[in-house]
Protein backbone atom coordinates (compact mmCIF):
# COMPACT_ATOMS: atom_id res chain seq x y z
CA UNK A 1 97.04 103.08 87.60
CA UNK A 2 95.54 100.88 84.86
CA UNK A 3 95.30 97.93 87.25
CA UNK A 4 93.24 99.97 89.71
CA UNK A 5 90.86 101.10 86.97
CA UNK A 6 90.68 97.52 85.69
CA UNK A 7 89.89 96.10 89.15
CA UNK A 8 87.42 98.90 89.97
CA UNK A 9 85.50 98.23 86.77
CA UNK A 10 85.48 94.46 87.27
CA UNK A 11 84.34 94.91 90.87
CA UNK A 12 81.55 97.31 89.90
CA UNK A 13 80.28 95.05 87.11
CA UNK A 14 80.82 91.72 88.90
CA UNK A 15 81.03 89.74 85.66
CA UNK A 16 82.14 91.20 82.35
CA UNK A 17 83.20 89.95 78.92
CA UNK A 18 86.80 90.82 78.02
CA UNK A 19 85.66 92.55 74.82
CA UNK A 20 83.15 94.72 76.68
CA UNK A 21 85.75 95.62 79.31
CA UNK A 22 88.22 96.58 76.59
CA UNK A 23 85.63 98.96 75.12
CA UNK A 24 84.87 100.46 78.53
CA UNK A 25 88.56 101.02 79.30
CA UNK A 26 89.39 102.14 75.76
CA UNK A 27 92.04 99.48 75.16
CA UNK A 28 92.51 96.17 73.35
CA UNK A 29 91.01 92.83 74.27
CA UNK A 30 94.55 91.38 74.28
CA UNK A 31 95.67 93.86 76.95
CA UNK A 32 92.57 93.13 79.02
CA UNK A 33 93.17 89.36 78.84
CA UNK A 34 96.84 89.84 79.73
CA UNK A 35 95.94 91.97 82.75
CA UNK A 36 93.20 89.52 83.70
CA UNK A 37 95.65 86.60 83.63
CA UNK A 38 98.10 88.52 85.81
CA UNK A 39 95.38 89.44 88.32
CA UNK A 40 93.94 85.91 88.26
CA UNK A 41 97.42 84.54 88.96
CA UNK A 42 97.45 86.67 92.12
CA UNK A 43 93.95 85.52 93.10
CA UNK A 44 92.33 88.92 92.56
CA UNK A 45 89.80 87.81 89.94
CA UNK A 46 88.73 84.66 88.12
CA UNK A 47 88.66 84.06 84.39
CA UNK A 48 86.32 81.68 82.58
CA UNK A 49 87.07 81.68 78.84
CA UNK A 50 86.55 85.39 78.06
CA UNK A 51 84.44 86.13 81.15
CA UNK A 52 86.17 88.06 83.93
CA UNK A 53 84.66 87.64 87.39
CA UNK A 54 85.17 89.70 90.53
CA UNK A 55 85.98 87.93 93.79
CA UNK A 56 86.14 89.05 97.40
CA UNK A 57 89.89 89.49 96.83
CA UNK A 58 89.17 92.08 94.14
CA UNK A 59 87.60 94.38 96.72
CA UNK A 60 90.32 93.59 99.30
CA UNK A 61 93.08 94.53 96.84
CA UNK A 62 91.28 97.76 95.94
CA UNK A 63 91.10 98.70 99.64
CA UNK A 64 94.82 97.95 100.18
CA UNK A 65 95.84 100.02 97.15
CA UNK A 66 93.79 102.98 98.33
CA UNK A 67 95.74 103.20 101.60
């Protein structure tokens, strides 16, 4: 459930700082960066320092999870 909310928020924002995303999702920056690394490892997003970027795969994964 958290991963879907995470990916939805990243997709809607396009580019977001990890700290800002943590505030939006009411969690810690460490948890956000951990989730971001997991998702980036699966090609769902990209990470640049503390910037989290949506990719086309972010939207594709969201569509697959909704089915």
